[in-house]
PDB file of N, CA and C in Angstrom:
ATOM      1  N   MET A   1    -198.894  77.894-174.801  1.00  0.00           N
ATOM      2  CA  MET A   1    -199.019  78.798-173.622  1.00  0.00           C
ATOM      3  C   MET A   1    -197.763  79.394-173.321  1.00  0.00           C
ATOM      4  N   GLN A   2    -197.566  80.682-173.283  1.00  0.00           N
ATOM      5  CA  GLN A   2    -196.322  81.268-172.985  1.00  0.00           C
ATOM      6  C   GLN A   2    -196.243  81.405-171.461  1.00  0.00           C
ATOM      7  N   LEU A   3    -195.093  81.019-170.783  1.00  0.00           N
ATOM      8  CA  LEU A   3    -194.860  81.143-169.368  1.00  0.00           C
ATOM      9  C   LEU A   3    -193.894  82.235-168.953  1.00  0.00           C
ATOM     10  N   SER A   4    -193.961  82.564-167.700  1.00  0.00           N
ATOM     11  CA  SER A   4    -193.184  83.529-167.306  1.00  0.00           C
ATOM     12  C   SER A   4    -192.982  83.351-165.709  1.00  0.00           C
ATOM     13  N   TRP A   5    -192.054  84.067-165.126  1.00  0.00           N
ATOM     14  CA  TRP A   5    -191.944  83.993-163.550  1.00  0.00           C
ATOM     15  C   TRP A   5    -193.211  84.383-163.059  1.00  0.00           C
ATOM     16  N   ASP A   6    -193.989  84.968-163.626  1.00  0.00           N
ATOM     17  CA  ASP A   6    -195.367  85.563-163.056  1.00  0.00           C
ATOM     18  C   ASP A   6    -196.502  84.399-163.278  1.00  0.00           C
ATOM     19  N   SER A   7    -196.224  83.481-164.035  1.00  0.00           N
ATOM     20  CA  SER A   7    -197.138  82.467-164.369  1.00  0.00           C
ATOM     21  C   SER A   7    -197.482  81.534-163.121  1.00  0.00           C
ATOM     22  N   ASP A   8    -198.745  80.963-163.171  1.00  0.00           N
ATOM     23  CA  ASP A   8    -199.017  80.106-162.071  1.00  0.00           C
ATOM     24  C   ASP A   8    -198.011  78.927-161.929  1.00  0.00           C
ATOM     25  N   GLN A   9    -197.774  78.514-160.715  1.00  0.00           N
ATOM     26  CA  GLN A   9    -196.706  77.734-160.529  1.00  0.00           C
ATOM     27  C   GLN A   9    -197.086  76.204-160.909  1.00  0.00           C
ATOM     28  N   ALA A  10    -198.402  75.940-160.974  1.00  0.00           N
ATOM     29  CA  ALA A  10    -198.841  74.733-161.492  1.00  0.00           C
ATOM     30  C   ALA A  10    -198.526  74.647-163.101  1.00  0.00           C
ATOM     31  N   ALA A  11    -198.888  75.650-163.747  1.00  0.00           N
ATOM     32  CA  ALA A  11    -198.424  75.700-165.096  1.00  0.00           C
ATOM     33  C   ALA A  11    -197.005  75.440-165.396  1.00  0.00           C
ATOM     34  N   ILE A  12    -196.123  76.119-164.715  1.00  0.00           N
ATOM     35  CA  ILE A  12    -194.654  75.886-164.831  1.00  0.00           C
ATOM     36  C   ILE A  12    -194.319  74.410-164.470  1.00  0.00           C
ATOM     37  N   ALA A  13    -195.009  73.953-163.419  1.00  0.00           N
ATOM     38  CA  ALA A  13    -194.686  72.446-162.899  1.00  0.00           C
ATOM     39  C   ALA A  13    -195.174  71.566-164.066  1.00  0.00           C
ATOM     40  N   ARG A  14    -196.247  71.734-164.686  1.00  0.00           N
ATOM     41  CA  ARG A  14    -196.759  70.878-165.749  1.00  0.00           C
ATOM     42  C   ARG A  14    -195.696  70.846-166.906  1.00  0.00           C
ATOM     43  N   ALA A  15    -195.230  72.034-167.260  1.00  0.00           N
ATOM     44  CA  ALA A  15    -194.226  72.102-168.287  1.00  0.00           C
ATOM     45  C   ALA A  15    -193.021  71.442-167.982  1.00  0.00           C
ATOM     46  N   LEU A  16    -192.678  71.536-166.719  1.00  0.00           N
ATOM     47  CA  LEU A  16    -191.503  70.688-166.280  1.00  0.00           C
ATOM     48  C   LEU A  16    -191.672  69.265-166.360  1.00  0.00           C
ATOM     49  N   MET A  17    -192.992  68.762-165.955  1.00  0.00           N
ATOM     50  CA  MET A  17    -193.143  67.340-166.086  1.00  0.00           C
ATOM     51  C   MET A  17    -193.219  66.910-167.467  1.00  0.00           C
ATOM     52  N   THR A  18    -193.636  67.641-168.386  1.00  0.00           N
ATOM     53  CA  THR A  18    -193.525  67.117-169.788  1.00  0.00           C
ATOM     54  C   THR A  18    -192.121  67.111-170.412  1.00  0.00           C
ATOM     55  N   ALA A  19    -191.329  68.281-170.072  1.00  0.00           N
ATOM     56  CA  ALA A  19    -190.007  68.293-170.594  1.00  0.00           C
ATOM     57  C   ALA A  19    -188.946  67.573-169.912  1.00  0.00           C
ATOM     58  N   TYR A  20    -189.248  67.312-168.626  1.00  0.00           N
ATOM     59  CA  TYR A  20    -188.162  66.431-167.814  1.00  0.00           C
ATOM     60  C   TYR A  20    -188.852  65.350-167.125  1.00  0.00           C
ATOM     61  N   PRO A  21    -189.526  64.386-167.755  1.00  0.00           N
ATOM     62  CA  PRO A  21    -190.330  63.377-166.959  1.00  0.00           C
ATOM     63  C   PRO A  21    -189.450  62.495-166.108  1.00  0.00           C
ATOM     64  N   GLU A  22    -188.247  62.273-166.399  1.00  0.00           N
ATOM     65  CA  GLU A  22    -187.415  61.246-165.646  1.00  0.00           C
ATOM     66  C   GLU A  22    -186.370  61.961-164.745  1.00  0.00           C
ATOM     67  N   VAL A  23    -186.582  63.275-164.502  1.00  0.00           N
ATOM     68  CA  VAL A  23    -185.531  64.005-163.551  1.00  0.00           C
ATOM     69  C   VAL A  23    -185.928  63.593-162.079  1.00  0.00           C
ATOM     70  N   ASP A  24    -184.800  63.498-161.278  1.00  0.00           N
ATOM     71  CA  ASP A  24    -184.954  63.144-159.867  1.00  0.00           C
ATOM     72  C   ASP A  24    -185.152  64.598-159.256  1.00  0.00           C
ATOM     73  N   ARG A  25    -186.313  64.903-158.980  1.00  0.00           N
ATOM     74  CA  ARG A  25    -186.607  66.283-158.417  1.00  0.00           C
ATOM     75  C   ARG A  25    -186.011  66.465-157.028  1.00  0.00           C
ATOM     76  N   LEU A  26    -185.825  65.381-156.299  1.00  0.00           N
ATOM     77  CA  LEU A  26    -185.221  65.593-154.881  1.00  0.00           C
ATOM     78  C   LEU A  26    -183.697  65.855-155.002  1.00  0.00           C
ATOM     79  N   SER A  27    -183.041  65.583-156.166  1.00  0.00           N
ATOM     80  CA  SER A  27    -181.591  65.864-156.275  1.00  0.00           C
ATOM     81  C   SER A  27    -181.272  67.341-156.954  1.00  0.00           C
ATOM     82  N   LEU A  28    -182.431  67.985-157.351  1.00  0.00           N
ATOM     83  CA  LEU A  28    -182.120  69.305-158.018  1.00  0.00           C
ATOM     84  C   LEU A  28    -181.658  70.316-157.019  1.00  0.00           C
ATOM     85  N   SER A  29    -180.759  71.182-157.497  1.00  0.00           N
ATOM     86  CA  SER A  29    -180.426  72.352-156.630  1.00  0.00           C
ATOM     87  C   SER A  29    -181.404  73.401-157.251  1.00  0.00           C
ATOM     88  N   LEU A  30    -181.453  74.452-156.574  1.00  0.00           N
ATOM     89  CA  LEU A  30    -182.337  75.652-157.078  1.00  0.00           C
ATOM     90  C   LEU A  30    -181.815  76.303-158.157  1.00  0.00           C
ATOM     91  N   SER A  31    -180.477  76.210-158.419  1.00  0.00           N
ATOM     92  CA  SER A  31    -179.851  76.841-159.644  1.00  0.00           C
ATOM     93  C   SER A  31    -180.219  75.940-160.750  1.00  0.00           C
ATOM     94  N   GLN A  32    -180.124  74.608-160.623  1.00  0.00           N
ATOM     95  CA  GLN A  32    -180.363  73.739-161.732  1.00  0.00           C
ATOM     96  C   GLN A  32    -181.940  73.841-162.041  1.00  0.00           C
ATOM     97  N   LEU A  33    -182.798  73.945-161.136  1.00  0.00           N
ATOM     98  CA  LEU A  33    -184.228  74.295-161.383  1.00  0.00           C
ATOM     99  C   LEU A  33    -184.400  75.515-162.077  1.00  0.00           C
ATOM    100  N   HIS A  34    -183.831  76.585-161.768  1.00  0.00           N
ATOM    101  CA  HIS A  34    -183.847  77.816-162.403  1.00  0.00           C
ATOM    102  C   HIS A  34    -183.525  77.739-163.906  1.00  0.00           C
ATOM    103  N   HIS A  35    -182.413  77.082-164.195  1.00  0.00           N
ATOM    104  CA  HIS A  35    -181.926  76.900-165.521  1.00  0.00           C
ATOM    105  C   HIS A  35    -182.952  75.879-166.318  1.00  0.00           C
ATOM    106  N   MET A  36    -183.492  74.963-165.773  1.00  0.00           N
ATOM    107  CA  MET A  36    -184.451  74.124-166.436  1.00  0.00           C
ATOM    108  C   MET A  36    -185.756  74.850-166.727  1.00  0.00           C
ATOM    109  N   ILE A  37    -186.104  75.652-165.905  1.00  0.00           N
ATOM    110  CA  ILE A  37    -187.397  76.507-166.180  1.00  0.00           C
ATOM    111  C   ILE A  37    -187.109  77.400-167.367  1.00  0.00           C
ATOM    112  N   ALA A  38    -185.855  78.254-166.974  1.00  0.00           N
ATOM    113  CA  ALA A  38    -185.603  79.273-168.217  1.00  0.00           C
ATOM    114  C   ALA A  38    -185.473  78.626-169.482  1.00  0.00           C
ATOM    115  N   SER A  39    -184.949  77.293-169.572  1.00  0.00           N
ATOM    116  CA  SER A  39    -184.795  76.559-170.811  1.00  0.00           C
ATOM    117  C   SER A  39    -185.994  75.992-171.603  1.00  0.00           C
ATOM    118  N   LEU A  40    -187.152  76.139-170.944  1.00  0.00           N
ATOM    119  CA  LEU A  40    -188.324  75.583-171.406  1.00  0.00           C
ATOM    120  C   LEU A  40    -188.699  76.385-172.642  1.00  0.00           C
ATOM    121  N   SER A  41    -189.187  75.795-173.655  1.00  0.00           N
ATOM    122  CA  SER A  41    -189.296  76.526-174.903  1.00  0.00           C
ATOM    123  C   SER A  41    -190.630  77.359-174.926  1.00  0.00           C
ATOM    124  N   CYS A  42    -191.401  77.138-173.941  1.00  0.00           N
ATOM    125  CA  CYS A  42    -192.702  77.912-173.756  1.00  0.00           C
ATOM    126  C   CYS A  42    -192.463  79.123-172.774  1.00  0.00           C
ATOM    127  N   PHE A  43    -191.131  79.231-172.346  1.00  0.00           N
ATOM    128  CA  PHE A  43    -190.777  80.190-171.202  1.00  0.00           C
ATOM    129  C   PHE A  43    -190.185  81.473-171.813  1.00  0.00           C
ATOM    130  N   ALA A  44    -190.820  82.618-171.488  1.00  0.00           N
ATOM    131  CA  ALA A  44    -190.368  83.849-172.044  1.00  0.00           C
ATOM    132  C   ALA A  44    -189.367  84.433-171.209  1.00  0.00           C
ATOM    133  N   ALA A  45    -188.380  84.971-171.914  1.00  0.00           N
ATOM    134  CA  ALA A  45    -187.109  85.609-171.264  1.00  0.00           C
ATOM    135  C   ALA A  45    -187.621  86.847-170.459  1.00  0.00           C
ATOM    136  N   SER A  46    -186.994  87.095-169.299  1.00  0.00           N
ATOM    137  CA  SER A  46    -187.573  88.151-168.452  1.00  0.00           C
ATOM    138  C   SER A  46    -186.427  88.816-167.834  1.00  0.00           C
ATOM    139  N   GLN A  47    -186.345  90.099-167.442  1.00  0.00           N
ATOM    140  CA  GLN A  47    -185.455  90.800-166.583  1.00  0.00           C
ATOM    141  C   GLN A  47    -185.741  90.337-165.138  1.00  0.00           C
ATOM    142  N   ARG A  48    -186.959  90.098-164.769  1.00  0.00           N
ATOM    143  CA  ARG A  48    -187.309  89.860-163.436  1.00  0.00           C
ATOM    144  C   ARG A  48    -186.780  88.377-163.187  1.00  0.00           C
ATOM    145  N   GLN A  49    -186.050  88.255-162.037  1.00  0.00           N
ATOM    146  CA  GLN A  49    -185.589  86.873-161.644  1.00  0.00           C
ATOM    147  C   GLN A  49    -186.427  86.388-160.436  1.00  0.00           C
ATOM    148  N   PRO A  50    -186.740  85.040-160.271  1.00  0.00           N
ATOM    149  CA  PRO A  50    -187.419  84.460-159.147  1.00  0.00           C
ATOM    150  C   PRO A  50    -186.484  84.573-157.956  1.00  0.00           C
ATOM    151  N   ASP A  51    -187.147  84.587-156.865  1.00  0.00           N
ATOM    152  CA  ASP A  51    -186.417  84.530-155.573  1.00  0.00           C
ATOM    153  C   ASP A  51    -186.535  83.042-155.196  1.00  0.00           C
ATOM    154  N   GLU A  52    -185.798  82.751-154.067  1.00  0.00           N
ATOM    155  CA  GLU A  52    -185.732  81.363-153.596  1.00  0.00           C
ATOM    156  C   GLU A  52    -187.099  80.680-153.291  1.00  0.00           C
ATOM    157  N   LYS A  53    -187.841  81.475-152.648  1.00  0.00           N
ATOM    158  CA  LYS A  53    -189.204  81.052-152.252  1.00  0.00           C
ATOM    159  C   LYS A  53    -190.077  80.571-153.522  1.00  0.00           C
ATOM    160  N   ARG A  54    -190.081  81.442-154.527  1.00  0.00           N
ATOM    161  CA  ARG A  54    -190.810  81.127-155.817  1.00  0.00           C
ATOM    162  C   ARG A  54    -190.223  79.809-156.357  1.00  0.00           C
ATOM    163  N   LEU A  55    -188.903  79.616-156.484  1.00  0.00           N
ATOM    164  CA  LEU A  55    -188.380  78.329-156.997  1.00  0.00           C
ATOM    165  C   LEU A  55    -188.689  77.214-156.154  1.00  0.00           C
ATOM    166  N   ARG A  56    -188.545  77.348-154.928  1.00  0.00           N
ATOM    167  CA  ARG A  56    -189.123  76.148-154.028  1.00  0.00           C
ATOM    168  C   ARG A  56    -190.603  75.859-154.233  1.00  0.00           C
ATOM    169  N   SER A  57    -191.378  76.871-154.413  1.00  0.00           N
ATOM    170  CA  SER A  57    -192.781  76.757-154.585  1.00  0.00           C
ATOM    171  C   SER A  57    -193.108  75.887-155.780  1.00  0.00           C
ATOM    172  N   VAL A  58    -192.443  76.253-156.797  1.00  0.00           N
ATOM    173  CA  VAL A  58    -192.564  75.520-158.224  1.00  0.00           C
ATOM    174  C   VAL A  58    -192.122  74.087-157.893  1.00  0.00           C
ATOM    175  N   LEU A  59    -190.868  73.761-157.262  1.00  0.00           N
ATOM    176  CA  LEU A  59    -190.500  72.566-157.131  1.00  0.00           C
ATOM    177  C   LEU A  59    -191.335  71.629-156.276  1.00  0.00           C
ATOM    178  N   TRP A  60    -191.919  72.259-155.312  1.00  0.00           N
ATOM    179  CA  TRP A  60    -192.918  71.433-154.435  1.00  0.00           C
ATOM    180  C   TRP A  60    -194.087  71.245-155.275  1.00  0.00           C
ATOM    181  N   THR A  61    -194.598  72.131-155.991  1.00  0.00           N
ATOM    182  CA  THR A  61    -195.848  71.953-156.919  1.00  0.00           C
ATOM    183  C   THR A  61    -195.520  70.827-157.765  1.00  0.00           C
ATOM    184  N   TRP A  62    -194.352  70.793-158.483  1.00  0.00           N
ATOM    185  CA  TRP A  62    -193.981  69.755-159.493  1.00  0.00           C
ATOM    186  C   TRP A  62    -193.982  68.437-158.667  1.00  0.00           C
ATOM    187  N   MET A  63    -193.524  68.293-157.484  1.00  0.00           N
ATOM    188  CA  MET A  63    -193.384  67.021-156.937  1.00  0.00           C
ATOM    189  C   MET A  63    -194.893  66.577-156.514  1.00  0.00           C
ATOM    190  N   ARG A  64    -195.762  67.480-156.054  1.00  0.00           N
ATOM    191  CA  ARG A  64    -197.153  67.022-155.705  1.00  0.00           C
ATOM    192  C   ARG A  64    -197.846  66.580-156.957  1.00  0.00           C
ATOM    193  N   LEU A  65    -197.691  67.311-158.139  1.00  0.00           N
ATOM    194  CA  LEU A  65    -198.323  66.947-159.312  1.00  0.00           C
ATOM    195  C   LEU A  65    -197.878  65.661-159.730  1.00  0.00           C
ATOM    196  N   SER A  66    -196.714  65.382-159.664  1.00  0.00           N
ATOM    197  CA  SER A  66    -196.094  64.035-160.118  1.00  0.00           C
ATOM    198  C   SER A  66    -196.657  63.037-159.337  1.00  0.00           C
ATOM    199  N   ASP A  67    -196.647  63.247-158.126  1.00  0.00           N
ATOM    200  CA  ASP A  67    -197.161  62.148-157.226  1.00  0.00           C
ATOM    201  C   ASP A  67    -198.595  61.922-157.418  1.00  0.00           C
ATOM    202  N   GLU A  68    -199.479  62.976-157.859  1.00  0.00           N
ATOM    203  CA  GLU A  68    -200.871  62.842-158.100  1.00  0.00           C
ATOM    204  C   GLU A  68    -201.200  62.453-159.562  1.00  0.00           C
ATOM    205  N   GLY A  69    -200.082  62.280-160.392  1.00  0.00           N
ATOM    206  CA  GLY A  69    -200.232  61.942-161.796  1.00  0.00           C
ATOM    207  C   GLY A  69    -200.480  63.178-162.678  1.00  0.00           C
ATOM    208  N   GLY A  70    -200.351  64.299-162.145  1.00  0.00           N
ATOM    209  CA  GLY A  70    -200.551  65.586-162.812  1.00  0.00           C
ATOM    210  C   GLY A  70    -201.866  66.073-163.320  1.00  0.00           C
ATOM    211  N   ALA A  71    -202.927  65.253-162.786  1.00  0.00           N
ATOM    212  CA  ALA A  71    -204.307  65.641-163.153  1.00  0.00           C
ATOM    213  C   ALA A  71    -205.026  66.757-162.467  1.00  0.00           C
ATOM    214  N   HIS A  72    -204.286  67.191-161.363  1.00  0.00           N
ATOM    215  CA  HIS A  72    -205.167  68.237-160.539  1.00  0.00           C
ATOM    216  C   HIS A  72    -204.365  69.496-160.754  1.00  0.00           C
ATOM    217  N   ASP A  73    -205.186  70.558-160.643  1.00  0.00           N
ATOM    218  CA  ASP A  73    -204.631  71.992-160.765  1.00  0.00           C
ATOM    219  C   ASP A  73    -204.352  72.410-159.281  1.00  0.00           C
ATOM    220  N   ILE A  74    -203.248  72.388-158.904  1.00  0.00           N
ATOM    221  CA  ILE A  74    -202.841  72.795-157.547  1.00  0.00           C
ATOM    222  C   ILE A  74    -202.389  74.160-157.380  1.00  0.00           C
ATOM    223  N   ARG A  75    -203.077  74.906-156.525  1.00  0.00           N
ATOM    224  CA  ARG A  75    -202.516  76.333-156.374  1.00  0.00           C
ATOM    225  C   ARG A  75    -202.274  76.555-154.867  1.00  0.00           C
ATOM    226  N   SER A  76    -201.164  77.162-154.737  1.00  0.00           N
ATOM    227  CA  SER A  76    -200.755  77.496-153.333  1.00  0.00           C
ATOM    228  C   SER A  76    -200.791  78.916-152.869  1.00  0.00           C
TER     229      SER A  76
END
């Protein structure tokens, strides 16, 4: 599945969970998160850049999915 900044935040969060299972999400800066997302092999390069709200939303979804074992499709 190809991801972009327009993708569902849960899909991006699941890809992050797979690629970075041991990362301490609470210690991430938004710039680190941005780099991690853009570095995902399934992430398509884009001229569009996410705003802070979008990055925080992805991070929050990643935390929630991790706490729930990643089994649920959470949409905000």
